[in-house]
């Protein structure tokens, strides 16, 4: 018997000889080492050589490189976090995708929004009395006072009558109260 075949009771009962076992080993295809001349890029017949760059293009690329070098030199004075932020900003300006915003716990977000709402409410109250959020007097208060004193003209409330005025009953001449018909 061959080495690869395991005899069992059923195979002994049958007494059938198994076919010869054939072992197959897979060898993956490997490229032959190529010469340096064959590894050079092959020019297609229809492809034209690159045109000679114009002086404007050369100047433009030079300016881009100079701007990039200036930004890099400017980053040398920054600390590590500022360098990282500047590099990210530069990459984004060159077309990279910005980082995703970090997720925040919903409860913490709700608390933060509540605090912000309270602060906004306080700012509105301060502005209504003419002060900033710090409590200092607002410089715009004089303008507000002037604007509040001026009355709007035109069709704001009463239409055309506001321009000419209204006649009140008190202003009308009376027919005479004491005199009656005899």
N, C-alpha and C. Protein backbone atom coordinates (compact mmCIF):
# COMPACT_ATOMS: atom_id res chain seq x y z
N UNK A 1 0.84 -1.18 0.00
CA UNK A 1 0.00 0.00 0.00
C UNK A 1 0.87 1.24 0.00
N UNK A 2 0.25 2.33 -0.47
CA UNK A 2 1.01 3.57 -0.52
C UNK A 2 0.97 4.26 0.83
N UNK A 3 1.88 5.18 1.01
CA UNK A 3 2.01 5.84 2.30
C UNK A 3 0.87 6.81 2.58
N UNK A 4 0.29 7.42 1.56
CA UNK A 4 -0.73 8.44 1.73
C UNK A 4 -2.09 7.86 2.05
N UNK A 5 -2.28 6.55 1.90
CA UNK A 5 -3.60 5.97 2.09
C UNK A 5 -3.71 5.36 3.48
N UNK A 6 -4.80 5.69 4.18
CA UNK A 6 -5.05 5.15 5.51
C UNK A 6 -6.14 4.08 5.37
N UNK A 7 -5.82 2.87 5.84
CA UNK A 7 -6.80 1.79 5.72
C UNK A 7 -7.81 1.84 6.86
N UNK A 8 -9.05 1.62 6.48
CA UNK A 8 -10.13 1.55 7.47
C UNK A 8 -10.81 0.21 7.33
N UNK A 9 -11.78 -0.08 8.22
CA UNK A 9 -12.50 -1.35 8.16
C UNK A 9 -13.28 -1.48 6.87
N UNK A 10 -13.86 -0.37 6.42
CA UNK A 10 -14.66 -0.43 5.19
C UNK A 10 -13.77 -0.68 3.96
N UNK A 11 -12.57 -0.08 3.94
CA UNK A 11 -11.68 -0.31 2.80
C UNK A 11 -11.17 -1.75 2.79
N UNK A 12 -10.99 -2.31 3.98
CA UNK A 12 -10.58 -3.72 4.04
C UNK A 12 -11.71 -4.63 3.59
N UNK A 13 -12.95 -4.26 3.93
CA UNK A 13 -14.10 -5.07 3.54
C UNK A 13 -14.27 -5.04 2.02
N UNK A 14 -14.01 -3.97 1.41
CA UNK A 14 -14.17 -3.85 -0.03
C UNK A 14 -13.04 -4.55 -0.78
N UNK A 15 -11.91 -4.48 -0.22
CA UNK A 15 -10.71 -5.03 -0.82
C UNK A 15 -10.44 -4.45 -2.21
N UNK A 16 -10.74 -3.16 -2.30
CA UNK A 16 -10.47 -2.47 -3.56
C UNK A 16 -9.16 -1.73 -3.38
N UNK A 17 -8.31 -1.89 -4.34
CA UNK A 17 -7.03 -1.21 -4.25
C UNK A 17 -7.22 0.24 -4.69
N UNK A 18 -6.74 1.15 -3.88
CA UNK A 18 -6.86 2.56 -4.27
C UNK A 18 -5.89 2.88 -5.40
N UNK A 19 -6.25 3.93 -6.15
CA UNK A 19 -5.38 4.36 -7.25
C UNK A 19 -4.09 4.91 -6.66
N UNK A 20 -3.08 4.91 -7.46
CA UNK A 20 -1.80 5.41 -6.98
C UNK A 20 -1.94 6.89 -6.58
N UNK A 21 -1.41 7.20 -5.46
CA UNK A 21 -1.47 8.57 -4.94
C UNK A 21 -0.44 9.42 -5.65
N UNK A 22 -0.90 10.59 -6.14
CA UNK A 22 0.00 11.47 -6.85
C UNK A 22 0.06 12.82 -6.12
N UNK A 23 1.23 13.22 -5.75
CA UNK A 23 1.41 14.47 -5.00
C UNK A 23 1.74 15.59 -5.99
N UNK A 24 1.00 16.73 -5.85
CA UNK A 24 1.21 17.88 -6.73
C UNK A 24 1.62 19.07 -5.87
N UNK A 25 2.68 19.72 -6.24
CA UNK A 25 3.17 20.89 -5.50
C UNK A 25 3.08 22.10 -6.42
N UNK A 26 2.50 23.22 -5.90
CA UNK A 26 2.34 24.44 -6.69
C UNK A 26 3.53 25.35 -6.47
N UNK A 27 4.16 25.73 -7.54
CA UNK A 27 5.25 26.70 -7.50
C UNK A 27 4.77 27.97 -8.20
N UNK A 28 4.78 29.07 -7.46
CA UNK A 28 4.28 30.32 -8.05
C UNK A 28 5.29 30.85 -9.06
N UNK A 29 4.77 31.60 -10.02
CA UNK A 29 5.60 32.14 -11.09
C UNK A 29 6.42 33.29 -10.55
N UNK A 30 7.70 33.27 -10.83
CA UNK A 30 8.58 34.36 -10.42
C UNK A 30 9.22 34.92 -11.67
N UNK A 31 9.31 36.25 -11.69
CA UNK A 31 9.94 36.90 -12.83
C UNK A 31 11.43 36.61 -12.85
N UNK A 32 11.93 36.55 -14.03
CA UNK A 32 13.37 36.39 -14.18
C UNK A 32 14.01 37.75 -13.93
N UNK A 33 15.17 37.78 -13.33
CA UNK A 33 15.82 39.08 -13.13
C UNK A 33 16.10 39.72 -14.49
N UNK A 34 15.68 40.98 -14.62
CA UNK A 34 15.80 41.64 -15.92
C UNK A 34 17.02 42.55 -15.94
N UNK A 35 17.45 42.86 -17.12
CA UNK A 35 18.59 43.76 -17.29
C UNK A 35 18.13 45.19 -17.04
N UNK A 36 19.07 46.09 -16.79
CA UNK A 36 18.75 47.49 -16.54
C UNK A 36 18.17 48.14 -17.78
N UNK A 37 18.61 47.73 -18.93
CA UNK A 37 18.13 48.35 -20.17
C UNK A 37 16.66 48.03 -20.42
N UNK A 38 16.24 46.84 -20.04
CA UNK A 38 14.85 46.46 -20.28
C UNK A 38 13.91 47.08 -19.24
N UNK A 39 14.44 47.49 -18.08
CA UNK A 39 13.58 48.08 -17.05
C UNK A 39 13.29 49.56 -17.32
N UNK A 40 13.99 50.18 -18.26
CA UNK A 40 13.76 51.59 -18.58
C UNK A 40 12.38 51.73 -19.21
N UNK A 41 11.68 52.85 -18.96
CA UNK A 41 10.34 53.01 -19.52
C UNK A 41 10.38 53.06 -21.04
N UNK A 42 9.41 52.42 -21.63
CA UNK A 42 9.35 52.34 -23.08
C UNK A 42 8.51 53.50 -23.58
N UNK A 43 9.03 54.27 -24.52
CA UNK A 43 8.30 55.40 -25.10
C UNK A 43 7.34 54.86 -26.15
N UNK A 44 6.10 55.31 -26.09
CA UNK A 44 5.15 54.92 -27.13
C UNK A 44 5.41 55.76 -28.37
N UNK A 45 5.03 55.24 -29.50
CA UNK A 45 5.30 55.93 -30.75
C UNK A 45 4.47 57.22 -30.86
N UNK A 46 3.22 57.18 -30.39
CA UNK A 46 2.34 58.33 -30.55
C UNK A 46 2.61 59.43 -29.52
N UNK A 47 3.34 59.10 -28.50
CA UNK A 47 3.55 60.06 -27.41
C UNK A 47 4.59 61.10 -27.82
N UNK A 48 4.25 62.36 -27.55
CA UNK A 48 5.16 63.46 -27.87
C UNK A 48 6.02 63.77 -26.66
N UNK A 49 7.21 64.25 -26.87
CA UNK A 49 8.03 64.64 -25.71
C UNK A 49 7.41 65.87 -25.04
N UNK A 50 7.72 66.05 -23.75
CA UNK A 50 7.18 67.18 -23.01
C UNK A 50 7.61 68.49 -23.66
N UNK A 51 6.67 69.45 -23.74
CA UNK A 51 7.06 70.73 -24.34
C UNK A 51 8.03 71.48 -23.43
N UNK A 52 8.76 72.37 -24.01
CA UNK A 52 9.72 73.18 -23.25
C UNK A 52 8.93 74.12 -22.35
N UNK A 53 9.24 74.16 -21.05
CA UNK A 53 8.46 75.02 -20.15
C UNK A 53 8.64 76.49 -20.49
N UNK A 54 7.54 77.24 -20.40
CA UNK A 54 7.58 78.67 -20.68
C UNK A 54 8.20 79.39 -19.49
N UNK A 55 8.77 80.57 -19.73
CA UNK A 55 9.37 81.32 -18.62
C UNK A 55 8.36 81.68 -17.53
N UNK A 56 7.08 81.89 -17.92
CA UNK A 56 6.05 82.21 -16.92
C UNK A 56 5.85 81.03 -15.97
N UNK A 57 5.80 79.81 -16.57
CA UNK A 57 5.61 78.62 -15.75
C UNK A 57 6.78 78.40 -14.81
N UNK A 58 7.99 78.64 -15.31
CA UNK A 58 9.18 78.49 -14.48
C UNK A 58 9.12 79.47 -13.32
N UNK A 59 8.74 80.71 -13.62
CA UNK A 59 8.64 81.74 -12.57
C UNK A 59 7.57 81.35 -11.54
N UNK A 60 6.43 80.84 -12.04
CA UNK A 60 5.33 80.45 -11.14
C UNK A 60 5.77 79.32 -10.21
N UNK A 61 6.44 78.29 -10.77
CA UNK A 61 6.89 77.19 -9.92
C UNK A 61 7.96 77.65 -8.94
N UNK A 62 8.81 78.58 -9.39
CA UNK A 62 9.83 79.12 -8.49
C UNK A 62 9.17 79.85 -7.32
N UNK A 63 8.13 80.62 -7.61
CA UNK A 63 7.42 81.36 -6.54
C UNK A 63 6.74 80.39 -5.58
N UNK A 64 6.17 79.31 -6.11
CA UNK A 64 5.53 78.32 -5.24
C UNK A 64 6.55 77.69 -4.30
N UNK A 65 7.71 77.34 -4.86
CA UNK A 65 8.76 76.74 -4.03
C UNK A 65 9.26 77.72 -2.98
N UNK A 66 9.42 78.98 -3.39
CA UNK A 66 9.90 80.00 -2.45
C UNK A 66 8.89 80.20 -1.32
N UNK A 67 7.60 80.24 -1.66
CA UNK A 67 6.56 80.41 -0.65
C UNK A 67 6.58 79.23 0.32
N UNK A 68 6.74 78.02 -0.24
CA UNK A 68 6.78 76.82 0.60
C UNK A 68 7.99 76.86 1.54
N UNK A 69 9.14 77.27 1.02
CA UNK A 69 10.35 77.36 1.85
C UNK A 69 10.19 78.39 2.96
N UNK A 70 9.55 79.51 2.65
CA UNK A 70 9.33 80.55 3.66
C UNK A 70 8.44 80.02 4.78
N UNK A 71 7.39 79.30 4.40
CA UNK A 71 6.49 78.73 5.42
C UNK A 71 7.24 77.74 6.28
N UNK A 72 8.06 76.89 5.65
CA UNK A 72 8.84 75.92 6.42
C UNK A 72 9.82 76.61 7.37
N UNK A 73 10.47 77.67 6.88
CA UNK A 73 11.41 78.41 7.73
C UNK A 73 10.67 79.08 8.88
N UNK A 74 9.48 79.57 8.62
CA UNK A 74 8.70 80.22 9.66
C UNK A 74 8.27 79.26 10.75
N UNK A 75 8.14 77.98 10.40
CA UNK A 75 7.73 76.98 11.39
C UNK A 75 8.83 76.64 12.37
N UNK A 76 10.07 76.99 12.07
CA UNK A 76 11.17 76.61 12.96
C UNK A 76 11.07 77.29 14.31
N UNK A 77 10.45 78.46 14.38
CA UNK A 77 10.33 79.18 15.65
C UNK A 77 9.16 78.72 16.50
N UNK A 78 8.31 77.85 15.97
CA UNK A 78 7.13 77.41 16.71
C UNK A 78 7.47 76.28 17.66
N UNK A 79 6.61 76.09 18.67
CA UNK A 79 6.75 74.91 19.52
C UNK A 79 6.07 73.74 18.81
N UNK A 80 6.11 72.56 19.42
CA UNK A 80 5.68 71.33 18.74
C UNK A 80 4.22 71.38 18.31
N UNK A 81 3.34 71.87 19.19
CA UNK A 81 1.91 71.87 18.84
C UNK A 81 1.62 72.85 17.71
N UNK A 82 2.26 74.02 17.76
CA UNK A 82 2.04 75.00 16.69
C UNK A 82 2.60 74.50 15.37
N UNK A 83 3.73 73.78 15.42
CA UNK A 83 4.30 73.21 14.20
C UNK A 83 3.32 72.22 13.58
N UNK A 84 2.75 71.37 14.44
CA UNK A 84 1.82 70.36 13.95
C UNK A 84 0.60 71.03 13.31
N UNK A 85 0.06 72.05 13.97
CA UNK A 85 -1.11 72.75 13.43
C UNK A 85 -0.77 73.43 12.11
N UNK A 86 0.41 74.03 12.03
CA UNK A 86 0.81 74.71 10.80
C UNK A 86 1.01 73.72 9.67
N UNK A 87 1.60 72.57 9.98
CA UNK A 87 1.79 71.55 8.94
C UNK A 87 0.45 71.05 8.42
N UNK A 88 -0.51 70.85 9.35
CA UNK A 88 -1.84 70.41 8.93
C UNK A 88 -2.50 71.47 8.05
N UNK A 89 -2.38 72.73 8.45
CA UNK A 89 -2.98 73.82 7.65
C UNK A 89 -2.35 73.88 6.27
N UNK A 90 -1.03 73.69 6.19
CA UNK A 90 -0.34 73.70 4.91
C UNK A 90 -0.80 72.53 4.04
N UNK A 91 -0.92 71.36 4.65
CA UNK A 91 -1.37 70.19 3.89
C UNK A 91 -2.79 70.39 3.37
N UNK A 92 -3.65 70.99 4.20
CA UNK A 92 -5.03 71.24 3.78
C UNK A 92 -5.05 72.23 2.63
N UNK A 93 -4.20 73.27 2.72
CA UNK A 93 -4.16 74.26 1.64
C UNK A 93 -3.64 73.64 0.34
N UNK A 94 -2.83 72.59 0.44
CA UNK A 94 -2.32 71.92 -0.74
C UNK A 94 -3.28 70.86 -1.28
N UNK A 95 -4.40 70.64 -0.56
CA UNK A 95 -5.41 69.73 -1.08
C UNK A 95 -5.67 68.50 -0.25
N UNK A 96 -5.05 68.37 0.91
CA UNK A 96 -5.29 67.19 1.75
C UNK A 96 -6.64 67.32 2.45
N UNK A 97 -7.19 66.19 2.84
CA UNK A 97 -8.45 66.21 3.58
C UNK A 97 -8.16 66.52 5.04
N UNK A 98 -8.95 67.40 5.66
CA UNK A 98 -8.72 67.71 7.08
C UNK A 98 -9.10 66.54 7.96
N UNK A 99 -8.55 66.53 9.18
CA UNK A 99 -8.87 65.47 10.13
C UNK A 99 -10.33 65.53 10.52
N UNK A 100 -10.87 64.37 10.88
CA UNK A 100 -12.24 64.35 11.37
C UNK A 100 -12.28 64.95 12.76
N UNK A 101 -13.41 65.59 13.07
CA UNK A 101 -13.56 66.15 14.40
C UNK A 101 -13.74 65.01 15.39
N UNK A 102 -13.16 65.18 16.57
CA UNK A 102 -13.23 64.14 17.57
C UNK A 102 -14.65 64.09 18.14
N UNK A 103 -15.16 62.90 18.36
CA UNK A 103 -16.50 62.74 18.90
C UNK A 103 -16.58 63.23 20.33
N UNK A 104 -17.80 63.60 20.75
CA UNK A 104 -17.99 64.12 22.10
C UNK A 104 -19.16 63.39 22.73
N UNK A 105 -19.06 63.16 24.03
CA UNK A 105 -20.14 62.51 24.75
C UNK A 105 -21.38 63.39 24.69
N UNK A 106 -22.54 62.77 24.48
CA UNK A 106 -23.78 63.54 24.29
C UNK A 106 -24.14 64.33 25.53
N UNK A 107 -23.96 63.73 26.72
CA UNK A 107 -24.30 64.44 27.96
C UNK A 107 -23.41 65.67 28.13
N UNK A 108 -22.12 65.51 27.85
CA UNK A 108 -21.20 66.65 27.96
C UNK A 108 -21.56 67.73 26.95
N UNK A 109 -21.95 67.31 25.75
CA UNK A 109 -22.35 68.26 24.72
C UNK A 109 -23.57 69.06 25.16
N UNK A 110 -24.56 68.37 25.76
CA UNK A 110 -25.77 69.06 26.23
C UNK A 110 -25.42 70.07 27.31
N UNK A 111 -24.54 69.69 28.25
CA UNK A 111 -24.14 70.62 29.31
C UNK A 111 -23.43 71.84 28.71
N UNK A 112 -22.56 71.59 27.75
CA UNK A 112 -21.83 72.69 27.12
C UNK A 112 -22.80 73.63 26.40
N UNK A 113 -23.79 73.08 25.71
CA UNK A 113 -24.77 73.91 25.02
C UNK A 113 -25.60 74.72 26.00
N UNK A 114 -25.95 74.12 27.16
CA UNK A 114 -26.70 74.86 28.19
C UNK A 114 -25.88 76.04 28.69
N UNK A 115 -24.60 75.81 29.00
CA UNK A 115 -23.73 76.89 29.47
C UNK A 115 -23.63 78.00 28.43
N UNK A 116 -23.49 77.61 27.18
CA UNK A 116 -23.37 78.60 26.11
C UNK A 116 -24.66 79.40 25.97
N UNK A 117 -25.80 78.73 26.15
CA UNK A 117 -27.09 79.41 26.07
C UNK A 117 -27.22 80.45 27.18
N UNK A 118 -26.81 80.07 28.40
CA UNK A 118 -26.87 81.00 29.54
C UNK A 118 -25.96 82.20 29.29
N UNK A 119 -24.76 81.95 28.77
CA UNK A 119 -23.83 83.04 28.48
C UNK A 119 -24.39 83.97 27.41
N UNK A 120 -25.00 83.39 26.38
CA UNK A 120 -25.59 84.22 25.33
C UNK A 120 -26.72 85.08 25.87
N UNK A 121 -27.51 84.49 26.78
CA UNK A 121 -28.61 85.23 27.39
C UNK A 121 -28.07 86.40 28.20
N UNK A 122 -26.99 86.16 28.96
CA UNK A 122 -26.38 87.23 29.75
C UNK A 122 -25.82 88.33 28.83
N UNK A 123 -25.22 87.93 27.71
CA UNK A 123 -24.71 88.91 26.76
C UNK A 123 -25.83 89.78 26.22
N UNK A 124 -26.97 89.16 25.90
CA UNK A 124 -28.10 89.91 25.37
C UNK A 124 -28.62 90.89 26.42
N UNK A 125 -28.68 90.45 27.69
CA UNK A 125 -29.13 91.34 28.76
C UNK A 125 -28.17 92.52 28.92
N UNK A 126 -26.88 92.26 28.90
CA UNK A 126 -25.90 93.34 29.01
C UNK A 126 -26.01 94.31 27.84
N UNK A 127 -26.21 93.77 26.65
CA UNK A 127 -26.32 94.63 25.48
C UNK A 127 -27.57 95.49 25.55
N UNK A 128 -28.63 94.96 26.15
CA UNK A 128 -29.86 95.74 26.23
C UNK A 128 -29.69 96.94 27.16
N UNK A 129 -28.82 96.84 28.17
CA UNK A 129 -28.59 97.98 29.06
C UNK A 129 -27.36 98.77 28.63
N UNK A 130 -26.72 98.37 27.54
CA UNK A 130 -25.61 99.15 26.99
C UNK A 130 -24.27 98.79 27.55
N UNK A 131 -24.07 97.53 27.95
CA UNK A 131 -22.77 97.12 28.46
C UNK A 131 -22.30 95.88 27.73
N UNK A 132 -20.99 95.66 27.76
CA UNK A 132 -20.44 94.46 27.16
C UNK A 132 -20.55 93.30 28.15
N UNK A 133 -20.11 92.11 27.73
CA UNK A 133 -20.20 90.94 28.61
C UNK A 133 -19.33 91.11 29.85
N UNK A 134 -18.26 91.93 29.75
CA UNK A 134 -17.39 92.17 30.89
C UNK A 134 -18.01 93.15 31.88
N UNK A 135 -19.03 93.89 31.45
CA UNK A 135 -19.66 94.87 32.32
C UNK A 135 -19.26 96.28 32.00
N UNK A 136 -18.36 96.47 31.04
CA UNK A 136 -17.94 97.81 30.65
C UNK A 136 -19.00 98.44 29.76
N UNK A 137 -19.04 99.76 29.75
CA UNK A 137 -20.02 100.48 28.94
C UNK A 137 -19.72 100.27 27.46
N UNK A 138 -20.77 100.06 26.71
CA UNK A 138 -20.63 99.86 25.29
C UNK A 138 -20.48 101.20 24.58
N UNK A 139 -19.63 101.27 23.58
CA UNK A 139 -19.41 102.52 22.85
C UNK A 139 -20.58 102.82 21.93
N UNK A 140 -21.40 101.83 21.66
CA UNK A 140 -22.49 102.01 20.72
C UNK A 140 -23.75 102.54 21.40
N UNK A 141 -23.70 102.76 22.69
CA UNK A 141 -24.91 103.16 23.41
C UNK A 141 -25.42 104.51 22.94
N UNK A 142 -24.53 105.44 22.59
CA UNK A 142 -24.96 106.76 22.13
C UNK A 142 -25.73 106.61 20.82
N UNK A 143 -25.22 105.77 19.94
CA UNK A 143 -25.91 105.56 18.67
C UNK A 143 -27.28 104.95 18.90
N UNK A 144 -27.39 104.03 19.83
CA UNK A 144 -28.68 103.41 20.13
C UNK A 144 -29.66 104.43 20.65
N UNK A 145 -29.17 105.33 21.51
CA UNK A 145 -30.04 106.36 22.07
C UNK A 145 -30.55 107.27 20.96
N UNK A 146 -29.68 107.66 20.05
CA UNK A 146 -30.10 108.52 18.95
C UNK A 146 -31.12 107.82 18.07
N UNK A 147 -30.84 106.55 17.77
CA UNK A 147 -31.73 105.81 16.89
C UNK A 147 -33.09 105.58 17.54
N UNK A 148 -33.12 105.39 18.85
CA UNK A 148 -34.40 105.14 19.51
C UNK A 148 -35.25 106.40 19.54
N UNK A 149 -34.64 107.59 19.56
CA UNK A 149 -35.39 108.84 19.61
C UNK A 149 -35.98 109.18 18.25
N UNK A 150 -35.30 108.81 17.18
CA UNK A 150 -35.81 109.14 15.86
C UNK A 150 -37.01 108.27 15.53
N UNK A 151 -38.05 108.90 15.03
CA UNK A 151 -39.26 108.15 14.68
C UNK A 151 -39.17 107.75 13.21
N UNK A 152 -39.63 106.57 12.90
CA UNK A 152 -39.58 106.15 11.51
C UNK A 152 -40.57 106.94 10.65
N UNK A 153 -40.20 107.16 9.42
CA UNK A 153 -41.06 107.89 8.51
C UNK A 153 -41.69 106.92 7.52
N UNK A 154 -42.72 107.35 6.89
CA UNK A 154 -43.30 106.57 5.80
C UNK A 154 -44.37 105.61 6.26
N UNK A 155 -44.39 104.45 5.66
CA UNK A 155 -45.48 103.50 5.81
C UNK A 155 -45.29 102.53 6.96
N UNK A 156 -44.51 102.85 7.98
CA UNK A 156 -44.21 101.87 9.00
C UNK A 156 -45.45 101.44 9.78
N UNK A 157 -46.27 102.40 10.30
CA UNK A 157 -47.46 102.00 11.06
C UNK A 157 -48.75 102.51 10.43
N UNK A 158 -48.84 103.80 10.31
CA UNK A 158 -50.12 104.38 9.89
C UNK A 158 -50.20 104.70 8.43
N UNK A 159 -49.25 104.28 7.65
CA UNK A 159 -49.30 104.56 6.24
C UNK A 159 -49.03 106.02 5.96
N UNK A 160 -49.77 106.58 5.05
CA UNK A 160 -49.55 107.97 4.62
C UNK A 160 -50.01 108.97 5.67
N UNK A 161 -50.89 108.55 6.59
CA UNK A 161 -51.43 109.48 7.59
C UNK A 161 -50.37 109.95 8.57
N UNK A 162 -49.35 109.15 8.83
CA UNK A 162 -48.30 109.58 9.75
C UNK A 162 -47.57 110.81 9.24
N UNK A 163 -47.44 110.92 7.95
CA UNK A 163 -46.73 112.05 7.38
C UNK A 163 -47.55 113.33 7.57
N UNK A 164 -48.87 113.27 7.33
CA UNK A 164 -49.71 114.46 7.37
C UNK A 164 -50.34 114.67 8.74
N UNK A 165 -50.47 113.65 9.54
CA UNK A 165 -51.07 113.79 10.85
C UNK A 165 -52.51 113.30 10.86
N UNK A 166 -53.09 113.22 12.07
CA UNK A 166 -54.47 112.78 12.24
C UNK A 166 -55.26 113.89 12.92
N UNK A 167 -56.53 113.88 12.68
CA UNK A 167 -57.41 114.86 13.32
C UNK A 167 -58.06 114.19 14.51
N UNK A 168 -57.96 114.85 15.68
CA UNK A 168 -58.57 114.31 16.89
C UNK A 168 -59.90 115.03 17.13
N UNK A 169 -60.80 114.40 17.89
CA UNK A 169 -62.10 115.00 18.18
C UNK A 169 -61.95 116.28 18.99
N UNK A 170 -60.94 116.34 19.81
CA UNK A 170 -60.74 117.52 20.65
C UNK A 170 -60.43 118.74 19.80
N UNK A 171 -59.77 118.54 18.68
CA UNK A 171 -59.37 119.65 17.84
C UNK A 171 -60.51 120.18 16.97
N UNK A 172 -61.59 119.41 16.80
CA UNK A 172 -62.70 119.84 15.96
C UNK A 172 -63.50 120.95 16.66
N UNK A 173 -64.00 121.91 15.91
CA UNK A 173 -64.84 122.95 16.54
C UNK A 173 -66.16 122.35 17.02
N UNK A 174 -66.59 122.76 18.20
CA UNK A 174 -67.83 122.22 18.77
C UNK A 174 -69.01 123.08 18.32
N UNK A 175 -70.21 122.48 18.26
CA UNK A 175 -71.40 123.16 17.78
C UNK A 175 -72.04 124.02 18.86
N UNK A 176 -71.66 123.97 20.00
CA UNK A 176 -72.25 124.76 21.08
C UNK A 176 -73.08 123.87 21.97
N UNK A 177 -72.64 123.71 23.17
CA UNK A 177 -73.28 122.77 24.08
C UNK A 177 -74.53 123.39 24.73
N UNK A 178 -74.45 124.61 25.15
CA UNK A 178 -75.54 125.22 25.92
C UNK A 178 -76.73 125.65 25.09
N UNK A 179 -76.53 125.81 23.85
CA UNK A 179 -77.60 126.32 23.01
C UNK A 179 -78.41 125.16 22.47
N UNK A 180 -79.65 125.19 22.69
CA UNK A 180 -80.53 124.16 22.19
C UNK A 180 -81.60 124.75 21.32
N UNK A 181 -82.45 123.98 20.73
CA UNK A 181 -83.52 124.46 19.87
C UNK A 181 -84.69 124.90 20.72
N UNK A 182 -85.32 125.96 20.32
CA UNK A 182 -86.49 126.42 21.04
C UNK A 182 -87.71 126.23 20.25
